[in-house]
C-alpha atoms as a PDB file:
ATOM      1  CA  MET A   1      74.358  13.507 -46.016  1.00  0.00           C
ATOM      2  CA  SER A   2      72.426  16.603 -47.341  1.00  0.00           C
ATOM      3  CA  HIS A   3      74.181  19.478 -49.163  1.00  0.00           C
ATOM      4  CA  VAL A   4      72.904  22.948 -49.537  1.00  0.00           C
ATOM      5  CA  ARG A   5      72.464  22.395 -53.012  1.00  0.00           C
ATOM      6  CA  ASP A   6      69.385  20.092 -52.197  1.00  0.00           C
ATOM      7  CA  VAL A   7      67.482  22.553 -50.403  1.00  0.00           C
ATOM      8  CA  ARG A   8      64.240  23.482 -52.203  1.00  0.00           C
ATOM      9  CA  ALA A   9      61.546  26.220 -51.586  1.00  0.00           C
ATOM     10  CA  ALA A  10      58.043  24.851 -51.049  1.00  0.00           C
ATOM     11  CA  SER A  11      56.937  26.848 -53.988  1.00  0.00           C
ATOM     12  CA  GLU A  12      59.599  24.663 -55.798  1.00  0.00           C
ATOM     13  CA  LEU A  13      57.574  21.651 -54.850  1.00  0.00           C
ATOM     14  CA  GLY A  14      54.627  22.839 -55.670  1.00  0.00           C
ATOM     15  CA  LEU A  15      53.447  22.908 -52.123  1.00  0.00           C
ATOM     16  CA  ALA A  16      50.353  25.035 -50.883  1.00  0.00           C
ATOM     17  CA  GLU A  17      50.916  27.639 -48.313  1.00  0.00           C
ATOM     18  CA  PRO A  18      48.925  26.484 -45.075  1.00  0.00           C
ATOM     19  CA  PRO A  19      46.483  29.370 -43.639  1.00  0.00           C
ATOM     20  CA  GLU A  20      48.394  31.656 -41.150  1.00  0.00           C
ATOM     21  CA  ASP A  21      45.534  31.228 -38.406  1.00  0.00           C
ATOM     22  CA  ALA A  22      47.466  30.695 -35.203  1.00  0.00           C
ATOM     23  CA  ALA A  23      48.079  33.498 -32.614  1.00  0.00           C
ATOM     24  CA  THR A  24      51.677  33.613 -32.393  1.00  0.00           C
ATOM     25  CA  PHE A  25      54.707  33.952 -34.588  1.00  0.00           C
ATOM     26  CA  LEU A  26      56.106  30.861 -33.344  1.00  0.00           C
ATOM     27  CA  ALA A  27      52.755  28.867 -33.732  1.00  0.00           C
ATOM     28  CA  ILE A  28      52.350  30.193 -37.442  1.00  0.00           C
ATOM     29  CA  ALA A  29      55.894  29.340 -38.310  1.00  0.00           C
ATOM     30  CA  GLU A  30      55.747  25.679 -36.710  1.00  0.00           C
ATOM     31  CA  GLY A  31      52.325  25.251 -38.811  1.00  0.00           C
ATOM     32  CA  LYS A  32      54.086  26.035 -42.138  1.00  0.00           C
ATOM     33  CA  ALA A  33      57.060  24.099 -41.280  1.00  0.00           C
ATOM     34  CA  LEU A  34      55.089  21.095 -40.328  1.00  0.00           C
ATOM     35  CA  ALA A  35      52.911  21.356 -43.198  1.00  0.00           C
ATOM     36  CA  ALA A  36      56.011  21.378 -45.535  1.00  0.00           C
ATOM     37  CA  ALA A  37      57.555  18.613 -43.808  1.00  0.00           C
ATOM     38  CA  ARG A  38      54.515  16.304 -44.092  1.00  0.00           C
ATOM     39  CA  ALA A  39      53.513  17.240 -47.803  1.00  0.00           C
ATOM     40  CA  SER A  40      57.265  16.797 -48.976  1.00  0.00           C
ATOM     41  CA  GLY A  41      58.701  13.965 -46.827  1.00  0.00           C
ATOM     42  CA  TRP A  42      61.723  16.066 -45.958  1.00  0.00           C
ATOM     43  CA  PRO A  43      62.635  18.190 -43.180  1.00  0.00           C
ATOM     44  CA  ALA A  44      61.432  21.895 -43.392  1.00  0.00           C
ATOM     45  CA  VAL A  45      62.321  25.303 -42.253  1.00  0.00           C
ATOM     46  CA  ALA A  46      59.666  28.011 -42.159  1.00  0.00           C
ATOM     47  CA  ASP A  47      59.589  31.581 -40.385  1.00  0.00           C
ATOM     48  CA  ASP A  48      57.098  34.309 -39.511  1.00  0.00           C
ATOM     49  CA  SER A  49      57.635  37.782 -38.603  1.00  0.00           C
ATOM     50  CA  GLY A  50      56.505  41.155 -37.741  1.00  0.00           C
ATOM     51  CA  LEU A  51      56.535  44.132 -35.878  1.00  0.00           C
ATOM     52  CA  VAL A  52      55.113  44.376 -32.304  1.00  0.00           C
ATOM     53  CA  VAL A  53      54.545  47.804 -30.763  1.00  0.00           C
ATOM     54  CA  GLN A  54      53.910  47.838 -27.135  1.00  0.00           C
ATOM     55  CA  ALA A  55      51.373  51.137 -27.260  1.00  0.00           C
ATOM     56  CA  LEU A  56      49.394  49.073 -29.693  1.00  0.00           C
ATOM     57  CA  GLY A  57      48.874  46.011 -27.321  1.00  0.00           C
ATOM     58  CA  GLY A  58      51.334  44.156 -29.696  1.00  0.00           C
ATOM     59  CA  ARG A  59      49.934  45.111 -33.197  1.00  0.00           C
ATOM     60  CA  PRO A  60      50.463  44.853 -36.089  1.00  0.00           C
ATOM     61  CA  GLY A  61      52.229  41.526 -34.904  1.00  0.00           C
ATOM     62  CA  ILE A  62      51.148  38.530 -36.618  1.00  0.00           C
ATOM     63  CA  ARG A  63      49.123  40.592 -38.827  1.00  0.00           C
ATOM     64  CA  SER A  64      52.253  42.782 -39.942  1.00  0.00           C
ATOM     65  CA  ALA A  65      52.007  42.015 -43.525  1.00  0.00           C
ATOM     66  CA  ARG A  66      48.150  42.141 -43.578  1.00  0.00           C
ATOM     67  CA  TRP A  67      48.581  45.802 -42.483  1.00  0.00           C
ATOM     68  CA  ALA A  68      50.198  46.450 -45.627  1.00  0.00           C
ATOM     69  CA  GLY A  69      47.274  45.284 -47.791  1.00  0.00           C
ATOM     70  CA  ALA A  70      46.953  42.991 -50.924  1.00  0.00           C
ATOM     71  CA  GLU A  71      49.519  44.930 -52.812  1.00  0.00           C
ATOM     72  CA  ARG A  72      51.977  44.856 -49.902  1.00  0.00           C
ATOM     73  CA  ASP A  73      52.445  48.612 -49.613  1.00  0.00           C
ATOM     74  CA  PHE A  74      54.471  49.039 -46.537  1.00  0.00           C
ATOM     75  CA  THR A  75      54.490  52.802 -46.879  1.00  0.00           C
ATOM     76  CA  ARG A  76      50.583  52.639 -45.926  1.00  0.00           C
ATOM     77  CA  ALA A  77      51.298  49.974 -43.240  1.00  0.00           C
ATOM     78  CA  MET A  78      54.125  52.387 -41.681  1.00  0.00           C
ATOM     79  CA  GLU A  79      51.468  55.346 -41.898  1.00  0.00           C
ATOM     80  CA  ARG A  80      49.009  53.173 -40.217  1.00  0.00           C
ATOM     81  CA  VAL A  81      51.254  52.650 -37.306  1.00  0.00           C
ATOM     82  CA  HIS A  82      52.177  56.268 -36.843  1.00  0.00           C
ATOM     83  CA  ALA A  83      48.493  57.430 -37.110  1.00  0.00           C
ATOM     84  CA  GLU A  84      47.623  54.474 -34.467  1.00  0.00           C
ATOM     85  CA  LEU A  85      50.244  55.812 -32.090  1.00  0.00           C
ATOM     86  CA  GLY A  86      49.698  59.211 -31.975  1.00  0.00           C
ATOM     87  CA  ALA A  87      51.858  60.870 -29.271  1.00  0.00           C
ATOM     88  CA  ALA A  88      51.937  57.185 -27.483  1.00  0.00           C
ATOM     89  CA  PRO A  89      55.176  55.823 -26.672  1.00  0.00           C
ATOM     90  CA  ARG A  90      57.195  54.511 -29.643  1.00  0.00           C
ATOM     91  CA  THR A  91      58.846  51.457 -28.017  1.00  0.00           C
ATOM     92  CA  ALA A  92      58.930  48.317 -30.494  1.00  0.00           C
ATOM     93  CA  ALA A  93      60.239  44.970 -31.283  1.00  0.00           C
ATOM     94  CA  MET A  94      61.070  43.081 -34.511  1.00  0.00           C
ATOM     95  CA  VAL A  95      60.566  39.662 -33.804  1.00  0.00           C
ATOM     96  CA  THR A  96      61.089  36.423 -36.053  1.00  0.00           C
ATOM     97  CA  ALA A  97      60.093  32.871 -35.406  1.00  0.00           C
ATOM     98  CA  LEU A  98      61.722  30.098 -36.757  1.00  0.00           C
ATOM     99  CA  ALA A  99      60.630  26.377 -37.201  1.00  0.00           C
ATOM    100  CA  LEU A 100      62.551  23.332 -38.195  1.00  0.00           C
ATOM    101  CA  ALA A 101      60.093  20.202 -38.560  1.00  0.00           C
ATOM    102  CA  TRP A 102      60.230  16.819 -39.758  1.00  0.00           C
ATOM    103  CA  PRO A 103      57.650  14.576 -41.459  1.00  0.00           C
ATOM    104  CA  ASP A 104      57.074  12.688 -38.113  1.00  0.00           C
ATOM    105  CA  GLY A 105      55.444  15.750 -36.921  1.00  0.00           C
ATOM    106  CA  HIS A 106      58.411  16.609 -34.616  1.00  0.00           C
ATOM    107  CA  ALA A 107      59.285  20.551 -34.444  1.00  0.00           C
ATOM    108  CA  GLU A 108      61.587  22.567 -32.655  1.00  0.00           C
ATOM    109  CA  SER A 109      60.761  26.272 -32.620  1.00  0.00           C
ATOM    110  CA  PHE A 110      63.059  29.412 -32.385  1.00  0.00           C
ATOM    111  CA  GLU A 111      62.764  33.291 -31.637  1.00  0.00           C
ATOM    112  CA  GLY A 112      64.758  36.154 -32.509  1.00  0.00           C
ATOM    113  CA  ARG A 113      63.915  39.704 -30.882  1.00  0.00           C
ATOM    114  CA  VAL A 114      65.203  43.061 -31.447  1.00  0.00           C
ATOM    115  CA  GLU A 115      63.755  45.773 -29.040  1.00  0.00           C
ATOM    116  CA  GLY A 116      63.943  49.451 -30.255  1.00  0.00           C
ATOM    117  CA  GLU A 117      61.864  52.601 -31.269  1.00  0.00           C
ATOM    118  CA  LEU A 118      60.046  53.508 -34.170  1.00  0.00           C
ATOM    119  CA  ALA A 119      61.116  56.386 -36.038  1.00  0.00           C
ATOM    120  CA  TRP A 120      59.071  58.952 -38.089  1.00  0.00           C
ATOM    121  CA  PRO A 121      59.254  59.853 -40.822  1.00  0.00           C
ATOM    122  CA  PRO A 122      61.085  56.401 -42.199  1.00  0.00           C
ATOM    123  CA  ARG A 123      64.537  56.537 -43.079  1.00  0.00           C
ATOM    124  CA  GLY A 124      66.577  54.391 -45.632  1.00  0.00           C
ATOM    125  CA  GLY A 125      65.782  52.874 -48.729  1.00  0.00           C
ATOM    126  CA  GLN A 126      67.474  49.480 -47.450  1.00  0.00           C
ATOM    127  CA  GLY A 127      65.458  46.323 -46.347  1.00  0.00           C
ATOM    128  CA  PHE A 128      61.840  45.810 -46.475  1.00  0.00           C
ATOM    129  CA  GLY A 129      58.570  46.028 -44.684  1.00  0.00           C
ATOM    130  CA  TYR A 130      58.644  48.308 -41.466  1.00  0.00           C
ATOM    131  CA  GLU A 131      62.726  48.399 -41.696  1.00  0.00           C
ATOM    132  CA  PRO A 132      62.483  52.025 -42.463  1.00  0.00           C
ATOM    133  CA  MET A 133      60.853  52.996 -39.405  1.00  0.00           C
ATOM    134  CA  PHE A 134      62.501  50.555 -36.911  1.00  0.00           C
ATOM    135  CA  GLN A 135      65.362  51.881 -34.904  1.00  0.00           C
ATOM    136  CA  PRO A 136      67.157  49.130 -32.897  1.00  0.00           C
ATOM    137  CA  ALA A 137      68.136  49.769 -29.394  1.00  0.00           C
ATOM    138  CA  GLY A 138      71.765  51.328 -29.321  1.00  0.00           C
ATOM    139  CA  ASP A 139      71.664  52.513 -32.991  1.00  0.00           C
ATOM    140  CA  ALA A 140      70.826  55.772 -34.356  1.00  0.00           C
ATOM    141  CA  ARG A 141      69.942  54.267 -37.675  1.00  0.00           C
ATOM    142  CA  THR A 142      66.924  52.290 -38.814  1.00  0.00           C
ATOM    143  CA  TYR A 143      67.380  48.992 -40.238  1.00  0.00           C
ATOM    144  CA  GLY A 144      66.489  50.932 -43.478  1.00  0.00           C
ATOM    145  CA  GLU A 145      69.625  53.114 -43.234  1.00  0.00           C
ATOM    146  CA  MET A 146      71.687  49.861 -42.479  1.00  0.00           C
ATOM    147  CA  PRO A 147      73.771  48.341 -45.220  1.00  0.00           C
ATOM    148  CA  ARG A 148      72.007  44.864 -45.527  1.00  0.00           C
ATOM    149  CA  ALA A 149      75.121  42.933 -44.611  1.00  0.00           C
ATOM    150  CA  GLN A 150      75.429  45.017 -41.327  1.00  0.00           C
ATOM    151  CA  LYS A 151      71.821  44.346 -40.289  1.00  0.00           C
ATOM    152  CA  LEU A 152      72.230  40.765 -40.883  1.00  0.00           C
ATOM    153  CA  ILE A 153      74.625  40.735 -38.495  1.00  0.00           C
ATOM    154  CA  ASP A 154      72.328  40.714 -35.713  1.00  0.00           C
ATOM    155  CA  ASP A 155      68.619  41.194 -36.834  1.00  0.00           C
ATOM    156  CA  PRO A 156      65.755  38.850 -35.384  1.00  0.00           C
ATOM    157  CA  ARG A 157      66.200  36.324 -38.431  1.00  0.00           C
ATOM    158  CA  ALA A 158      69.831  36.284 -37.523  1.00  0.00           C
ATOM    159  CA  ARG A 159      69.194  35.647 -33.744  1.00  0.00           C
ATOM    160  CA  ALA A 160      66.356  32.892 -34.349  1.00  0.00           C
ATOM    161  CA  PHE A 161      68.930  31.311 -36.745  1.00  0.00           C
ATOM    162  CA  ALA A 162      71.636  31.305 -34.074  1.00  0.00           C
ATOM    163  CA  ALA A 163      69.133  29.919 -31.425  1.00  0.00           C
ATOM    164  CA  LEU A 164      68.391  27.070 -34.083  1.00  0.00           C
ATOM    165  CA  ALA A 165      72.316  26.462 -34.742  1.00  0.00           C
ATOM    166  CA  ALA A 166      72.854  26.381 -31.185  1.00  0.00           C
ATOM    167  CA  ALA A 167      70.111  23.865 -30.385  1.00  0.00           C
ATOM    168  CA  CYS A 168      70.765  21.671 -33.312  1.00  0.00           C
ATOM    169  CA  LEU A 169      74.386  21.900 -34.038  1.00  0.00           C
ATOM    170  CA  SER A 170      76.053  21.818 -30.731  1.00  0.00           C
ATOM    171  CA  PRO A 171      77.535  18.828 -29.083  1.00  0.00           C
END
């Protein structure tokens, strides 16, 4: 029986990160999980996530981290989103795709999605990425203003893990 202490990061195993050249969050997560499972000989879990802005045709989407540049400057990325939106509607979603893969090539994929609006200027110092500008539907705060423990109860990653658990752990 495997235990949590047996879990290893791909970097700990010296596994190279595969290219993220697929067209969807799910395909990228699955590609990363399959590469790690095949290289390690163990089941692997990988994810991909980002901000999807409807008025920008879904961008930044799978390129969310790239919008922050090589130095991962998400202040710059948020400014770019704001500038490109102009007066357009600020409807957006935070999305996380999660894949569980086995060395034989079998994989299961799950997606968590939280709908919301983009706030400007960004608010709060919690979280990372676009979280200071993302305000989930039904809440007056951005993810950047929420205590981490509260945000993690129902963010897109939590929703994706809940879907995985329901699929894999249910009788």
